Structure formats: structure tokens, C-alpha cells
C-alpha atoms as a PDB file:
ATOM      1  CA  MET A   1      -3.216   2.348   7.109  1.00  0.00           C
ATOM      2  CA  ALA A   2      -1.587   2.077   3.747  1.00  0.00           C
ATOM      3  CA  LYS A   3      -3.080   3.334   0.506  1.00  0.00           C
ATOM      4  CA  GLY A   4      -1.498   2.898  -2.776  1.00  0.00           C
ATOM      5  CA  ARG A   5      -2.154   3.081  -6.533  1.00  0.00           C
ATOM      6  CA  PHE A   6      -1.217   0.212  -8.700  1.00  0.00           C
ATOM      7  CA  HIS A   7      -1.001  -0.631 -12.361  1.00  0.00           C
ATOM      8  CA  LEU A   8      -2.030  -4.300 -12.789  1.00  0.00           C
ATOM      9  CA  THR A   9      -1.282  -6.125 -16.095  1.00  0.00           C
ATOM     10  CA  LEU A  10      -3.377  -9.328 -16.280  1.00  0.00           C
ATOM     11  CA  PRO A  11      -2.491 -12.342 -18.337  1.00  0.00           C
ATOM     12  CA  GLY A  12      -5.361 -13.525 -20.575  1.00  0.00           C
ATOM     13  CA  ASP A  13      -6.358 -16.466 -18.380  1.00  0.00           C
ATOM     14  CA  LEU A  14      -7.012 -14.183 -15.424  1.00  0.00           C
ATOM     15  CA  VAL A  15      -9.104 -11.596 -17.252  1.00  0.00           C
ATOM     16  CA  GLY A  16     -12.423 -13.382 -16.392  1.00  0.00           C
ATOM     17  CA  GLU A  17     -11.390 -14.200 -12.760  1.00  0.00           C
ATOM     18  CA  PRO A  18     -12.777 -12.179  -9.799  1.00  0.00           C
ATOM     19  CA  ILE A  19      -9.312 -11.176  -8.613  1.00  0.00           C
ATOM     20  CA  ILE A  20     -10.209  -7.770  -7.335  1.00  0.00           C
ATOM     21  CA  HIS A  21     -13.192  -9.215  -5.415  1.00  0.00           C
ATOM     22  CA  THR A  22     -10.689 -11.781  -3.827  1.00  0.00           C
ATOM     23  CA  LEU A  23      -8.458  -8.855  -2.739  1.00  0.00           C
ATOM     24  CA  GLY A  24     -11.331  -7.353  -0.658  1.00  0.00           C
ATOM     25  CA  SER A  25     -12.648 -10.682   0.646  1.00  0.00           C
ATOM     26  CA  ASP A  26      -9.415 -12.508   1.337  1.00  0.00           C
ATOM     27  CA  PHE A  27      -7.046  -9.713   2.312  1.00  0.00           C
ATOM     28  CA  GLY A  28      -9.413  -7.045   3.741  1.00  0.00           C
ATOM     29  CA  VAL A  29      -8.280  -4.285   1.439  1.00  0.00           C
ATOM     30  CA  VAL A  30     -10.733  -1.671   0.051  1.00  0.00           C
ATOM     31  CA  THR A  31     -10.356  -1.408  -3.717  1.00  0.00           C
ATOM     32  CA  THR A  32     -11.236   1.298  -6.096  1.00  0.00           C
ATOM     33  CA  ILE A  33     -10.848   0.846  -9.816  1.00  0.00           C
ATOM     34  CA  ARG A  34      -9.728   4.063 -11.463  1.00  0.00           C
ATOM     35  CA  ARG A  35      -9.345   2.859 -15.045  1.00  0.00           C
ATOM     36  CA  ALA A  36      -9.389  -0.454 -16.695  1.00  0.00           C
ATOM     37  CA  SER A  37      -9.306  -2.135 -20.165  1.00  0.00           C
ATOM     38  CA  LEU A  38     -10.186  -5.784 -20.223  1.00  0.00           C
ATOM     39  CA  GLU A  39     -10.325  -7.890 -23.324  1.00  0.00           C
ATOM     40  CA  GLU A  40     -10.428 -11.577 -23.924  1.00  0.00           C
ATOM     41  CA  GLY A  41      -6.662 -11.996 -24.317  1.00  0.00           C
ATOM     42  CA  SER A  42      -5.226  -9.425 -21.841  1.00  0.00           C
ATOM     43  CA  GLY A  43      -6.209  -6.594 -19.605  1.00  0.00           C
ATOM     44  CA  TRP A  44      -4.924  -3.849 -17.312  1.00  0.00           C
ATOM     45  CA  VAL A  45      -6.308  -2.113 -14.283  1.00  0.00           C
ATOM     46  CA  ILE A  46      -5.331   1.080 -12.276  1.00  0.00           C
ATOM     47  CA  LEU A  47      -6.401   0.138  -8.886  1.00  0.00           C
ATOM     48  CA  GLU A  48      -6.193   1.781  -5.528  1.00  0.00           C
ATOM     49  CA  MET A  49      -5.906  -0.334  -2.456  1.00  0.00           C
ATOM     50  CA  ASP A  50      -6.512   0.835   1.083  1.00  0.00           C
ATOM     51  CA  GLY A  51      -5.725  -1.278   4.158  1.00  0.00           C
ATOM     52  CA  THR A  52      -2.917  -2.075   6.539  1.00  0.00           C
ATOM     53  CA  ASP A  53       0.646  -2.208   5.337  1.00  0.00           C
ATOM     54  CA  GLU A  54       0.495  -5.894   5.780  1.00  0.00           C
ATOM     55  CA  SER A  55      -2.677  -6.519   3.980  1.00  0.00           C
ATOM     56  CA  VAL A  56      -1.639  -4.450   1.005  1.00  0.00           C
ATOM     57  CA  ASP A  57       1.713  -6.196   0.815  1.00  0.00           C
ATOM     58  CA  ASP A  58       0.073  -9.609   1.132  1.00  0.00           C
ATOM     59  CA  ALA A  59      -2.497  -8.684  -1.665  1.00  0.00           C
ATOM     60  CA  VAL A  60       0.374  -7.527  -3.916  1.00  0.00           C
ATOM     61  CA  SER A  61       2.279 -10.816  -3.213  1.00  0.00           C
ATOM     62  CA  TRP A  62      -0.776 -12.790  -3.968  1.00  0.00           C
ATOM     63  CA  LEU A  63      -1.348 -10.983  -7.346  1.00  0.00           C
ATOM     64  CA  ARG A  64       2.202 -11.562  -8.329  1.00  0.00           C
ATOM     65  CA  GLU A  65       2.043 -15.270  -7.437  1.00  0.00           C
ATOM     66  CA  ARG A  66      -1.054 -15.533  -9.809  1.00  0.00           C
ATOM     67  CA  GLY A  67       1.017 -14.021 -12.692  1.00  0.00           C
ATOM     68  CA  VAL A  68      -0.266 -10.435 -12.510  1.00  0.00           C
ATOM     69  CA  ILE A  69       2.467  -7.831 -13.243  1.00  0.00           C
ATOM     70  CA  VAL A  70       2.093  -5.253 -10.412  1.00  0.00           C
ATOM     71  CA  ASP A  71       3.672  -1.860 -10.681  1.00  0.00           C
ATOM     72  CA  ARG A  72       3.212   0.762  -7.913  1.00  0.00           C
ATOM     73  CA  LEU A  73       2.372   3.955  -9.506  1.00  0.00           C
ATOM     74  CA  GLU A  74       2.362   6.269  -6.461  1.00  0.00           C
ATOM     75  CA  LYS A  75       0.933   6.616  -2.984  1.00  0.00           C
ATOM     76  CA  ALA A  76      -2.803   7.251  -3.414  1.00  0.00           C
ATOM     77  CA  PRO A  77      -4.165  10.619  -2.133  1.00  0.00           C
ATOM     78  CA  GLY A  78      -4.616  10.402   1.589  1.00  0.00           C
ATOM     79  CA  GLY A  79      -2.203   7.376   1.891  1.00  0.00           C
END
């Protein structure tokens, strides 16, 4: 199992989209929001993802394809 902590920077058009829900339902990762700031024009989230190496990698790839800037901060505790 892989567990990682990520800083996501969301473009304004994605702030209202259920992207974190999609990560869980489509990629089978367990998400934990550690911090977030969302406004109408932009937003950021510190997000932990827990799942298989492949599911976390696929989730990160999907986010990047959507225009989210994804920076890995560190391996999350226990990961």
C-alpha cells in the first residue's frame, strides 16, 4: 500500500468540482484532507491519499490531466 501527502493547486474552474470524491470512487484511494483553502477563483488542498502504488499514481495522473498542479510533500505517516 502507498500513502502520500500532496499539495494540490486547483485552477478556478475545478474549485466547485467533486474531484476528491472522484479520487475515492474512481481510483479506490482513501483521501484525508489535512488543510484547504478554496475560493471562487482558485484553491489549494493538502491531501493524503492511501491506496496501492498503482491507484495513487493513477489518481495523481488524472489530477494532472485535469489541470491540477500536484506536488508530493512527503510520504504520509505510516506510508
